[in-house]
């Protein structure tokens, strides 16, 4: 199943309040290439996904998760999906507050 990285890139860009040109300046691509990714006309390379992760301080796995199709979650109980959504929101807000530091998870917290 094809991942919708355009959606993931748009969500992250909106969460950090960045214009396409501002985000593209932090990535190894141009603003026009970013526009094509967000429009779903191009798939980003692993290098670009990793670049986005590094640029905003989130794990690249989070980007892949945000790119996942909603149908992949249909078999999951609503509570699981709700918990996942809240976890994602906390990660994004945490990263936005301090984008220069890596996120910590569970027992990794100081």
PDB file of N, CA and C in Angstrom:
ATOM      1  N   UNK A   1       0.846  -1.191   0.000  1.00  0.00           N
ATOM      2  CA  UNK A   1       0.000   0.000   0.000  1.00  0.00           C
ATOM      3  C   UNK A   1       0.887   1.249   0.000  1.00  0.00           C
ATOM      4  N   UNK A   2       0.536   2.210  -0.814  1.00  0.00           N
ATOM      5  CA  UNK A   2       1.319   3.432  -0.972  1.00  0.00           C
ATOM      6  C   UNK A   2       1.102   4.363   0.223  1.00  0.00           C
ATOM      7  N   UNK A   3       2.200   4.878   0.750  1.00  0.00           N
ATOM      8  CA  UNK A   3       2.148   5.850   1.842  1.00  0.00           C
ATOM      9  C   UNK A   3       1.838   7.227   1.253  1.00  0.00           C
ATOM     10  N   UNK A   4       1.103   8.043   1.985  1.00  0.00           N
ATOM     11  CA  UNK A   4       0.795   9.403   1.551  1.00  0.00           C
ATOM     12  C   UNK A   4       1.733  10.374   2.270  1.00  0.00           C
ATOM     13  N   UNK A   5       2.964  10.436   1.765  1.00  0.00           N
ATOM     14  CA  UNK A   5       3.935  11.322   2.395  1.00  0.00           C
ATOM     15  C   UNK A   5       3.571  12.784   2.214  1.00  0.00           C
ATOM     16  N   UNK A   6       2.839  13.112   1.166  1.00  0.00           N
ATOM     17  CA  UNK A   6       2.392  14.493   0.990  1.00  0.00           C
ATOM     18  C   UNK A   6       1.581  14.956   2.187  1.00  0.00           C
ATOM     19  N   UNK A   7       0.685  14.086   2.641  1.00  0.00           N
ATOM     20  CA  UNK A   7      -0.130  14.396   3.824  1.00  0.00           C
ATOM     21  C   UNK A   7       0.761  14.588   5.045  1.00  0.00           C
ATOM     22  N   UNK A   8       1.700  13.686   5.228  1.00  0.00           N
ATOM     23  CA  UNK A   8       2.597  13.764   6.382  1.00  0.00           C
ATOM     24  C   UNK A   8       3.398  15.063   6.365  1.00  0.00           C
ATOM     25  N   UNK A   9       3.935  15.421   5.208  1.00  0.00           N
ATOM     26  CA  UNK A   9       4.716  16.649   5.097  1.00  0.00           C
ATOM     27  C   UNK A   9       3.841  17.868   5.395  1.00  0.00           C
ATOM     28  N   UNK A  10       2.601  17.881   4.884  1.00  0.00           N
ATOM     29  CA  UNK A  10       1.689  19.009   5.145  1.00  0.00           C
ATOM     30  C   UNK A  10       1.361  19.118   6.628  1.00  0.00           C
ATOM     31  N   UNK A  11       1.094  17.985   7.278  1.00  0.00           N
ATOM     32  CA  UNK A  11       0.765  17.985   8.715  1.00  0.00           C
ATOM     33  C   UNK A  11       1.928  18.557   9.512  1.00  0.00           C
ATOM     34  N   UNK A  12       3.110  18.057   9.230  1.00  0.00           N
ATOM     35  CA  UNK A  12       4.290  18.517   9.986  1.00  0.00           C
ATOM     36  C   UNK A  12       4.571  19.987   9.711  1.00  0.00           C
ATOM     37  N   UNK A  13       4.480  20.392   8.463  1.00  0.00           N
ATOM     38  CA  UNK A  13       4.723  21.802   8.128  1.00  0.00           C
ATOM     39  C   UNK A  13       3.728  22.701   8.854  1.00  0.00           C
ATOM     40  N   UNK A  14       2.453  22.297   8.872  1.00  0.00           N
ATOM     41  CA  UNK A  14       1.427  23.087   9.569  1.00  0.00           C
ATOM     42  C   UNK A  14       1.682  23.109  11.079  1.00  0.00           C
ATOM     43  N   UNK A  15       2.073  21.967  11.637  1.00  0.00           N
ATOM     44  CA  UNK A  15       2.319  21.880  13.080  1.00  0.00           C
ATOM     45  C   UNK A  15       3.439  22.828  13.511  1.00  0.00           C
ATOM     46  N   UNK A  16       4.404  23.042  12.626  1.00  0.00           N
ATOM     47  CA  UNK A  16       5.527  23.913  12.950  1.00  0.00           C
ATOM     48  C   UNK A  16       5.354  25.323  12.397  1.00  0.00           C
ATOM     49  N   UNK A  17       4.222  25.576  11.743  1.00  0.00           N
ATOM     50  CA  UNK A  17       3.925  26.917  11.251  1.00  0.00           C
ATOM     51  C   UNK A  17       4.894  27.408  10.185  1.00  0.00           C
ATOM     52  N   UNK A  18       5.295  26.508   9.285  1.00  0.00           N
ATOM     53  CA  UNK A  18       6.266  26.858   8.246  1.00  0.00           C
ATOM     54  C   UNK A  18       5.609  26.959   6.882  1.00  0.00           C
ATOM     55  N   UNK A  19       6.107  27.893   6.069  1.00  0.00           N
ATOM     56  CA  UNK A  19       5.714  27.946   4.664  1.00  0.00           C
ATOM     57  C   UNK A  19       6.544  26.909   3.917  1.00  0.00           C
ATOM     58  N   UNK A  20       6.091  26.525   2.725  1.00  0.00           N
ATOM     59  CA  UNK A  20       6.841  25.546   1.941  1.00  0.00           C
ATOM     60  C   UNK A  20       8.284  25.995   1.719  1.00  0.00           C
ATOM     61  N   UNK A  21       8.471  27.254   1.391  1.00  0.00           N
ATOM     62  CA  UNK A  21       9.829  27.745   1.127  1.00  0.00           C
ATOM     63  C   UNK A  21      10.705  27.659   2.373  1.00  0.00           C
ATOM     64  N   UNK A  22      10.114  27.914   3.541  1.00  0.00           N
ATOM     65  CA  UNK A  22      10.872  27.836   4.787  1.00  0.00           C
ATOM     66  C   UNK A  22      11.283  26.392   5.091  1.00  0.00           C
ATOM     67  N   UNK A  23      10.345  25.465   4.900  1.00  0.00           N
ATOM     68  CA  UNK A  23      10.674  24.066   5.153  1.00  0.00           C
ATOM     69  C   UNK A  23      11.674  23.557   4.118  1.00  0.00           C
ATOM     70  N   UNK A  24      11.468  23.888   2.859  1.00  0.00           N
ATOM     71  CA  UNK A  24      12.373  23.434   1.803  1.00  0.00           C
ATOM     72  C   UNK A  24      13.801  23.911   2.061  1.00  0.00           C
ATOM     73  N   UNK A  25      13.954  25.096   2.626  1.00  0.00           N
ATOM     74  CA  UNK A  25      15.289  25.623   2.920  1.00  0.00           C
ATOM     75  C   UNK A  25      16.024  24.750   3.935  1.00  0.00           C
ATOM     76  N   UNK A  26      15.284  23.976   4.720  1.00  0.00           N
ATOM     77  CA  UNK A  26      15.881  23.082   5.725  1.00  0.00           C
ATOM     78  C   UNK A  26      16.103  21.671   5.191  1.00  0.00           C
ATOM     79  N   UNK A  27      15.646  21.430   3.966  1.00  0.00           N
ATOM     80  CA  UNK A  27      15.695  20.089   3.385  1.00  0.00           C
ATOM     81  C   UNK A  27      16.643  20.043   2.195  1.00  0.00           C
ATOM     82  N   UNK A  28      17.014  18.822   1.777  1.00  0.00           N
ATOM     83  CA  UNK A  28      17.890  18.697   0.612  1.00  0.00           C
ATOM     84  C   UNK A  28      17.121  18.743  -0.720  1.00  0.00           C
ATOM     85  N   UNK A  29      16.024  19.539  -0.759  1.00  0.00           N
ATOM     86  CA  UNK A  29      15.208  19.685  -1.965  1.00  0.00           C
ATOM     87  C   UNK A  29      14.786  21.145  -2.120  1.00  0.00           C
ATOM     88  N   UNK A  30      14.269  21.473  -3.290  1.00  0.00           N
ATOM     89  CA  UNK A  30      13.782  22.834  -3.544  1.00  0.00           C
ATOM     90  C   UNK A  30      12.322  22.959  -3.111  1.00  0.00           C
ATOM     91  N   UNK A  31      11.847  24.193  -3.042  1.00  0.00           N
ATOM     92  CA  UNK A  31      10.443  24.441  -2.692  1.00  0.00           C
ATOM     93  C   UNK A  31       9.515  23.814  -3.730  1.00  0.00           C
ATOM     94  N   UNK A  32       9.913  23.821  -5.002  1.00  0.00           N
ATOM     95  CA  UNK A  32       9.037  23.232  -6.019  1.00  0.00           C
ATOM     96  C   UNK A  32       8.978  21.706  -5.876  1.00  0.00           C
ATOM     97  N   UNK A  33      10.090  21.078  -5.487  1.00  0.00           N
ATOM     98  CA  UNK A  33      10.061  19.634  -5.227  1.00  0.00           C
ATOM     99  C   UNK A  33       9.183  19.316  -4.014  1.00  0.00           C
ATOM    100  N   UNK A  34       9.267  20.151  -2.980  1.00  0.00           N
ATOM    101  CA  UNK A  34       8.424  19.970  -1.802  1.00  0.00           C
ATOM    102  C   UNK A  34       6.950  20.111  -2.180  1.00  0.00           C
ATOM    103  N   UNK A  35       6.643  21.076  -3.037  1.00  0.00           N
ATOM    104  CA  UNK A  35       5.275  21.269  -3.499  1.00  0.00           C
ATOM    105  C   UNK A  35       4.746  20.020  -4.205  1.00  0.00           C
ATOM    106  N   UNK A  36       5.578  19.407  -5.043  1.00  0.00           N
ATOM    107  CA  UNK A  36       5.178  18.176  -5.737  1.00  0.00           C
ATOM    108  C   UNK A  36       4.940  17.032  -4.754  1.00  0.00           C
ATOM    109  N   UNK A  37       5.767  16.930  -3.719  1.00  0.00           N
ATOM    110  CA  UNK A  37       5.576  15.889  -2.695  1.00  0.00           C
ATOM    111  C   UNK A  37       4.256  16.126  -1.973  1.00  0.00           C
ATOM    112  N   UNK A  38       4.026  17.374  -1.533  1.00  0.00           N
ATOM    113  CA  UNK A  38       2.801  17.675  -0.794  1.00  0.00           C
ATOM    114  C   UNK A  38       1.548  17.496  -1.648  1.00  0.00           C
ATOM    115  N   UNK A  39       1.671  17.685  -2.949  1.00  0.00           N
ATOM    116  CA  UNK A  39       0.532  17.502  -3.856  1.00  0.00           C
ATOM    117  C   UNK A  39       0.319  16.033  -4.217  1.00  0.00           C
ATOM    118  N   UNK A  40       1.211  15.167  -3.752  1.00  0.00           N
ATOM    119  CA  UNK A  40       1.087  13.741  -4.045  1.00  0.00           C
ATOM    120  C   UNK A  40       1.567  13.359  -5.434  1.00  0.00           C
ATOM    121  N   UNK A  41       2.315  14.250  -6.085  1.00  0.00           N
ATOM    122  CA  UNK A  41       2.799  13.980  -7.440  1.00  0.00           C
ATOM    123  C   UNK A  41       4.185  13.344  -7.444  1.00  0.00           C
ATOM    124  N   UNK A  42       4.854  13.362  -6.294  1.00  0.00           N
ATOM    125  CA  UNK A  42       6.169  12.744  -6.147  1.00  0.00           C
ATOM    126  C   UNK A  42       6.244  12.088  -4.767  1.00  0.00           C
ATOM    127  N   UNK A  43       6.985  10.996  -4.699  1.00  0.00           N
ATOM    128  CA  UNK A  43       7.267  10.348  -3.417  1.00  0.00           C
ATOM    129  C   UNK A  43       8.653  10.811  -2.968  1.00  0.00           C
ATOM    130  N   UNK A  44       8.822  11.160  -1.697  1.00  0.00           N
ATOM    131  CA  UNK A  44      10.145  11.571  -1.235  1.00  0.00           C
ATOM    132  C   UNK A  44      11.075  10.367  -1.090  1.00  0.00           C
ATOM    133  N   UNK A  45      12.344  10.617  -1.267  1.00  0.00           N
ATOM    134  CA  UNK A  45      13.340   9.570  -1.015  1.00  0.00           C
ATOM    135  C   UNK A  45      13.511   9.410   0.498  1.00  0.00           C
ATOM    136  N   UNK A  46      14.178   8.348   0.890  1.00  0.00           N
ATOM    137  CA  UNK A  46      14.486   8.136   2.309  1.00  0.00           C
ATOM    138  C   UNK A  46      15.328   9.307   2.815  1.00  0.00           C
ATOM    139  N   UNK A  47      16.235   9.801   1.986  1.00  0.00           N
ATOM    140  CA  UNK A  47      17.080  10.939   2.366  1.00  0.00           C
ATOM    141  C   UNK A  47      16.237  12.173   2.683  1.00  0.00           C
ATOM    142  N   UNK A  48      15.184  12.412   1.905  1.00  0.00           N
ATOM    143  CA  UNK A  48      14.323  13.575   2.130  1.00  0.00           C
ATOM    144  C   UNK A  48      13.488  13.384   3.392  1.00  0.00           C
ATOM    145  N   UNK A  49      12.952  12.188   3.606  1.00  0.00           N
ATOM    146  CA  UNK A  49      12.178  11.909   4.831  1.00  0.00           C
ATOM    147  C   UNK A  49      13.084  12.077   6.051  1.00  0.00           C
ATOM    148  N   UNK A  50      14.293  11.535   5.977  1.00  0.00           N
ATOM    149  CA  UNK A  50      15.244  11.694   7.080  1.00  0.00           C
ATOM    150  C   UNK A  50      15.621  13.164   7.266  1.00  0.00           C
ATOM    151  N   UNK A  51      15.721  13.901   6.176  1.00  0.00           N
ATOM    152  CA  UNK A  51      16.015  15.327   6.255  1.00  0.00           C
ATOM    153  C   UNK A  51      14.903  16.093   6.947  1.00  0.00           C
ATOM    154  N   UNK A  52      13.662  15.743   6.645  1.00  0.00           N
ATOM    155  CA  UNK A  52      12.521  16.372   7.317  1.00  0.00           C
ATOM    156  C   UNK A  52      12.563  16.061   8.809  1.00  0.00           C
ATOM    157  N   UNK A  53      12.806  14.810   9.134  1.00  0.00           N
ATOM    158  CA  UNK A  53      12.874  14.401  10.545  1.00  0.00           C
ATOM    159  C   UNK A  53      13.938  15.211  11.289  1.00  0.00           C
ATOM    160  N   UNK A  54      15.110  15.321  10.692  1.00  0.00           N
ATOM    161  CA  UNK A  54      16.202  16.072  11.324  1.00  0.00           C
ATOM    162  C   UNK A  54      15.873  17.562  11.418  1.00  0.00           C
ATOM    163  N   UNK A  55      15.228  18.093  10.380  1.00  0.00           N
ATOM    164  CA  UNK A  55      14.919  19.529  10.336  1.00  0.00           C
ATOM    165  C   UNK A  55      13.973  19.962  11.439  1.00  0.00           C
ATOM    166  N   UNK A  56      13.037  19.091  11.809  1.00  0.00           N
ATOM    167  CA  UNK A  56      12.047  19.475  12.825  1.00  0.00           C
ATOM    168  C   UNK A  56      12.215  18.712  14.135  1.00  0.00           C
ATOM    169  N   UNK A  57      13.186  17.795  14.187  1.00  0.00           N
ATOM    170  CA  UNK A  57      13.480  17.106  15.432  1.00  0.00           C
ATOM    171  C   UNK A  57      12.477  16.039  15.817  1.00  0.00           C
ATOM    172  N   UNK A  58      11.938  15.320  14.835  1.00  0.00           N
ATOM    173  CA  UNK A  58      11.033  14.205  15.130  1.00  0.00           C
ATOM    174  C   UNK A  58      11.616  12.937  14.525  1.00  0.00           C
ATOM    175  N   UNK A  59      11.249  11.776  15.059  1.00  0.00           N
ATOM    176  CA  UNK A  59      11.743  10.530  14.461  1.00  0.00           C
ATOM    177  C   UNK A  59      11.159  10.321  13.067  1.00  0.00           C
ATOM    178  N   UNK A  60      11.965   9.784  12.142  1.00  0.00           N
ATOM    179  CA  UNK A  60      11.445   9.544  10.795  1.00  0.00           C
ATOM    180  C   UNK A  60      10.316   8.536  10.807  1.00  0.00           C
ATOM    181  N   UNK A  61      10.280   7.657  11.809  1.00  0.00           N
ATOM    182  CA  UNK A  61       9.171   6.707  11.919  1.00  0.00           C
ATOM    183  C   UNK A  61       7.847   7.434  12.129  1.00  0.00           C
ATOM    184  N   UNK A  62       7.880   8.577  12.798  1.00  0.00           N
ATOM    185  CA  UNK A  62       6.662   9.366  12.987  1.00  0.00           C
ATOM    186  C   UNK A  62       6.149   9.872  11.647  1.00  0.00           C
ATOM    187  N   UNK A  63       7.052  10.267  10.765  1.00  0.00           N
ATOM    188  CA  UNK A  63       6.652  10.754   9.443  1.00  0.00           C
ATOM    189  C   UNK A  63       5.996   9.629   8.659  1.00  0.00           C
ATOM    190  N   UNK A  64       6.595   8.445   8.713  1.00  0.00           N
ATOM    191  CA  UNK A  64       6.015   7.289   8.023  1.00  0.00           C
ATOM    192  C   UNK A  64       4.656   6.941   8.614  1.00  0.00           C
ATOM    193  N   UNK A  65       4.527   7.030   9.920  1.00  0.00           N
ATOM    194  CA  UNK A  65       3.239   6.755  10.561  1.00  0.00           C
ATOM    195  C   UNK A  65       2.190   7.763  10.115  1.00  0.00           C
ATOM    196  N   UNK A  66       2.555   9.038  10.051  1.00  0.00           N
ATOM    197  CA  UNK A  66       1.612  10.061   9.586  1.00  0.00           C
ATOM    198  C   UNK A  66       1.230   9.856   8.128  1.00  0.00           C
ATOM    199  N   UNK A  67       2.108   9.225   7.366  1.00  0.00           N
ATOM    200  CA  UNK A  67       1.843   8.970   5.951  1.00  0.00           C
ATOM    201  C   UNK A  67       0.975   7.736   5.729  1.00  0.00           C
ATOM    202  N   UNK A  68       0.751   6.969   6.783  1.00  0.00           N
ATOM    203  CA  UNK A  68      -0.017   5.731   6.662  1.00  0.00           C
ATOM    204  C   UNK A  68      -1.458   6.001   6.288  1.00  0.00           C
ATOM    205  N   UNK A  69      -2.013   5.077   5.530  1.00  0.00           N
ATOM    206  CA  UNK A  69      -3.402   5.157   5.109  1.00  0.00           C
ATOM    207  C   UNK A  69      -4.326   4.826   6.277  1.00  0.00           C
ATOM    208  N   UNK A  70      -5.414   5.558   6.407  1.00  0.00           N
ATOM    209  CA  UNK A  70      -6.361   5.344   7.498  1.00  0.00           C
ATOM    210  C   UNK A  70      -6.908   3.915   7.502  1.00  0.00           C
ATOM    211  N   UNK A  71      -6.993   3.289   6.330  1.00  0.00           N
ATOM    212  CA  UNK A  71      -7.495   1.912   6.259  1.00  0.00           C
ATOM    213  C   UNK A  71      -6.614   0.937   7.025  1.00  0.00           C
ATOM    214  N   UNK A  72      -5.341   1.274   7.188  1.00  0.00           N
ATOM    215  CA  UNK A  72      -4.443   0.429   7.949  1.00  0.00           C
ATOM    216  C   UNK A  72      -4.834   0.378   9.421  1.00  0.00           C
ATOM    217  N   UNK A  73      -5.611   1.357   9.864  1.00  0.00           N
ATOM    218  CA  UNK A  73      -6.010   1.418  11.265  1.00  0.00           C
ATOM    219  C   UNK A  73      -7.429   0.921  11.496  1.00  0.00           C
ATOM    220  N   UNK A  74      -8.166   0.595  10.438  1.00  0.00           N
ATOM    221  CA  UNK A  74      -9.557   0.180  10.587  1.00  0.00           C
ATOM    222  C   UNK A  74      -9.720  -1.077  11.430  1.00  0.00           C
ATOM    223  N   UNK A  75      -8.753  -1.962  11.395  1.00  0.00           N
ATOM    224  CA  UNK A  75      -8.849  -3.196  12.166  1.00  0.00           C
ATOM    225  C   UNK A  75      -8.499  -2.980  13.633  1.00  0.00           C
ATOM    226  N   UNK A  76      -7.991  -1.820  13.967  1.00  0.00           N
ATOM    227  CA  UNK A  76      -7.593  -1.521  15.341  1.00  0.00           C
ATOM    228  C   UNK A  76      -8.791  -0.973  16.124  1.00  0.00           C
ATOM    229  N   UNK A  77      -8.882  -1.277  17.400  1.00  0.00           N
ATOM    230  CA  UNK A  77      -9.952  -0.688  18.218  1.00  0.00           C
ATOM    231  C   UNK A  77      -9.828   0.840  18.251  1.00  0.00           C
ATOM    232  N   UNK A  78     -10.970   1.527  18.310  1.00  0.00           N
ATOM    233  CA  UNK A  78     -10.974   2.989  18.323  1.00  0.00           C
ATOM    234  C   UNK A  78     -10.084   3.554  19.424  1.00  0.00           C
ATOM    235  N   UNK A  79     -10.065   2.888  20.569  1.00  0.00           N
ATOM    236  CA  UNK A  79      -9.253   3.377  21.695  1.00  0.00           C
ATOM    237  C   UNK A  79      -7.766   3.379  21.333  1.00  0.00           C
ATOM    238  N   UNK A  80      -7.313   2.343  20.635  1.00  0.00           N
ATOM    239  CA  UNK A  80      -5.911   2.277  20.217  1.00  0.00           C
ATOM    240  C   UNK A  80      -5.568   3.425  19.276  1.00  0.00           C
ATOM    241  N   UNK A  81      -6.455   3.686  18.326  1.00  0.00           N
ATOM    242  CA  UNK A  81      -6.225   4.767  17.360  1.00  0.00           C
ATOM    243  C   UNK A  81      -6.239   6.113  18.084  1.00  0.00           C
ATOM    244  N   UNK A  82      -7.152   6.293  19.024  1.00  0.00           N
ATOM    245  CA  UNK A  82      -7.226   7.528  19.792  1.00  0.00           C
ATOM    246  C   UNK A  82      -5.946   7.735  20.608  1.00  0.00           C
ATOM    247  N   UNK A  83      -5.472   6.675  21.243  1.00  0.00           N
ATOM    248  CA  UNK A  83      -4.229   6.767  22.015  1.00  0.00           C
ATOM    249  C   UNK A  83      -3.055   7.128  21.107  1.00  0.00           C
ATOM    250  N   UNK A  84      -3.018   6.529  19.939  1.00  0.00           N
ATOM    251  CA  UNK A  84      -1.956   6.813  18.984  1.00  0.00           C
ATOM    252  C   UNK A  84      -2.007   8.272  18.546  1.00  0.00           C
ATOM    253  N   UNK A  85      -3.188   8.774  18.261  1.00  0.00           N
ATOM    254  CA  UNK A  85      -3.342  10.164  17.838  1.00  0.00           C
ATOM    255  C   UNK A  85      -2.859  11.123  18.930  1.00  0.00           C
ATOM    256  N   UNK A  86      -3.216  10.834  20.178  1.00  0.00           N
ATOM    257  CA  UNK A  86      -2.766  11.686  21.284  1.00  0.00           C
ATOM    258  C   UNK A  86      -1.245  11.627  21.443  1.00  0.00           C
ATOM    259  N   UNK A  87      -0.668  10.457  21.268  1.00  0.00           N
ATOM    260  CA  UNK A  87       0.790  10.321  21.363  1.00  0.00           C
ATOM    261  C   UNK A  87       1.481  11.123  20.275  1.00  0.00           C
ATOM    262  N   UNK A  88       0.944  11.056  19.060  1.00  0.00           N
ATOM    263  CA  UNK A  88       1.511  11.826  17.956  1.00  0.00           C
ATOM    264  C   UNK A  88       1.438  13.322  18.231  1.00  0.00           C
ATOM    265  N   UNK A  89       0.319  13.765  18.746  1.00  0.00           N
ATOM    266  CA  UNK A  89       0.158  15.179  19.040  1.00  0.00           C
ATOM    267  C   UNK A  89       1.168  15.621  20.103  1.00  0.00           C
ATOM    268  N   UNK A  90       1.331  14.807  21.144  1.00  0.00           N
ATOM    269  CA  UNK A  90       2.312  15.145  22.185  1.00  0.00           C
ATOM    270  C   UNK A  90       3.724  15.216  21.600  1.00  0.00           C
ATOM    271  N   UNK A  91       4.062  14.290  20.713  1.00  0.00           N
ATOM    272  CA  UNK A  91       5.382  14.301  20.082  1.00  0.00           C
ATOM    273  C   UNK A  91       5.596  15.569  19.273  1.00  0.00           C
ATOM    274  N   UNK A  92       4.602  15.932  18.485  1.00  0.00           N
ATOM    275  CA  UNK A  92       4.735  17.130  17.650  1.00  0.00           C
ATOM    276  C   UNK A  92       4.861  18.384  18.497  1.00  0.00           C
ATOM    277  N   UNK A  93       4.060  18.491  19.539  1.00  0.00           N
ATOM    278  CA  UNK A  93       4.117  19.670  20.400  1.00  0.00           C
ATOM    279  C   UNK A  93       5.459  19.710  21.129  1.00  0.00           C
ATOM    280  N   UNK A  94       5.909  18.580  21.615  1.00  0.00           N
ATOM    281  CA  UNK A  94       7.199  18.506  22.297  1.00  0.00           C
ATOM    282  C   UNK A  94       8.325  18.921  21.370  1.00  0.00           C
ATOM    283  N   UNK A  95       8.297  18.445  20.145  1.00  0.00           N
ATOM    284  CA  UNK A  95       9.337  18.784  19.173  1.00  0.00           C
ATOM    285  C   UNK A  95       9.284  20.262  18.833  1.00  0.00           C
ATOM    286  N   UNK A  96       8.090  20.818  18.751  1.00  0.00           N
ATOM    287  CA  UNK A  96       7.944  22.228  18.404  1.00  0.00           C
ATOM    288  C   UNK A  96       8.539  23.114  19.505  1.00  0.00           C
ATOM    289  N   UNK A  97       8.379  22.697  20.760  1.00  0.00           N
ATOM    290  CA  UNK A  97       8.884  23.493  21.877  1.00  0.00           C
ATOM    291  C   UNK A  97      10.399  23.507  21.912  1.00  0.00           C
ATOM    292  N   UNK A  98      11.037  22.422  21.483  1.00  0.00           N
ATOM    293  CA  UNK A  98      12.488  22.330  21.538  1.00  0.00           C
ATOM    294  C   UNK A  98      13.003  21.522  20.352  1.00  0.00           C
ATOM    295  N   UNK A  99      12.915  22.069  19.121  1.00  0.00           N
ATOM    296  CA  UNK A  99      13.240  21.288  17.926  1.00  0.00           C
ATOM    297  C   UNK A  99      14.707  20.915  17.790  1.00  0.00           C
ATOM    298  N   UNK A 100      15.574  21.483  18.587  1.00  0.00           N
ATOM    299  CA  UNK A 100      16.993  21.174  18.469  1.00  0.00           C
ATOM    300  C   UNK A 100      17.392  19.918  19.237  1.00  0.00           C
ATOM    301  N   UNK A 101      16.504  19.383  20.065  1.00  0.00           N
ATOM    302  CA  UNK A 101      16.824  18.195  20.854  1.00  0.00           C
ATOM    303  C   UNK A 101      15.991  17.017  20.397  1.00  0.00           C
ATOM    304  N   UNK A 102      16.564  15.847  20.498  1.00  0.00           N
ATOM    305  CA  UNK A 102      15.845  14.630  20.138  1.00  0.00           C
ATOM    306  C   UNK A 102      14.741  14.372  21.136  1.00  0.00           C
ATOM    307  N   UNK A 103      13.706  13.723  20.673  1.00  0.00           N
ATOM    308  CA  UNK A 103      12.613  13.348  21.559  1.00  0.00           C
ATOM    309  C   UNK A 103      13.012  12.125  22.361  1.00  0.00           C
ATOM    310  N   UNK A 104      12.454  12.015  23.557  1.00  0.00           N
ATOM    311  CA  UNK A 104      12.700  10.822  24.369  1.00  0.00           C
ATOM    312  C   UNK A 104      11.414  10.047  24.497  1.00  0.00           C
ATOM    313  N   UNK A 105      11.540   8.780  24.689  1.00  0.00           N
ATOM    314  CA  UNK A 105      10.384   7.911  24.772  1.00  0.00           C
ATOM    315  C   UNK A 105      10.415   7.090  26.045  1.00  0.00           C
ATOM    316  N   UNK A 106       9.251   6.949  26.681  1.00  0.00           N
ATOM    317  CA  UNK A 106       9.078   6.059  27.824  1.00  0.00           C
ATOM    318  C   UNK A 106      10.201   6.119  28.823  1.00  0.00           C
ATOM    319  N   UNK A 107      10.933   5.025  28.992  1.00  0.00           N
ATOM    320  CA  UNK A 107      11.971   4.921  30.007  1.00  0.00           C
ATOM    321  C   UNK A 107      13.217   5.741  29.653  1.00  0.00           C
ATOM    322  N   UNK A 108      13.279   6.302  28.449  1.00  0.00           N
ATOM    323  CA  UNK A 108      14.416   7.126  28.059  1.00  0.00           C
ATOM    324  C   UNK A 108      14.383   8.493  28.714  1.00  0.00           C
ATOM    325  N   UNK A 109      13.258   8.836  29.300  1.00  0.00           N
ATOM    326  CA  UNK A 109      13.125  10.173  29.878  1.00  0.00           C
ATOM    327  C   UNK A 109      14.010  10.306  31.109  1.00  0.00           C
ATOM    328  N   UNK A 110      14.604  11.504  31.298  1.00  0.00           N
ATOM    329  CA  UNK A 110      15.487  11.709  32.455  1.00  0.00           C
ATOM    330  C   UNK A 110      14.724  11.725  33.746  1.00  0.00           C
TER     331      UNK A 110
END
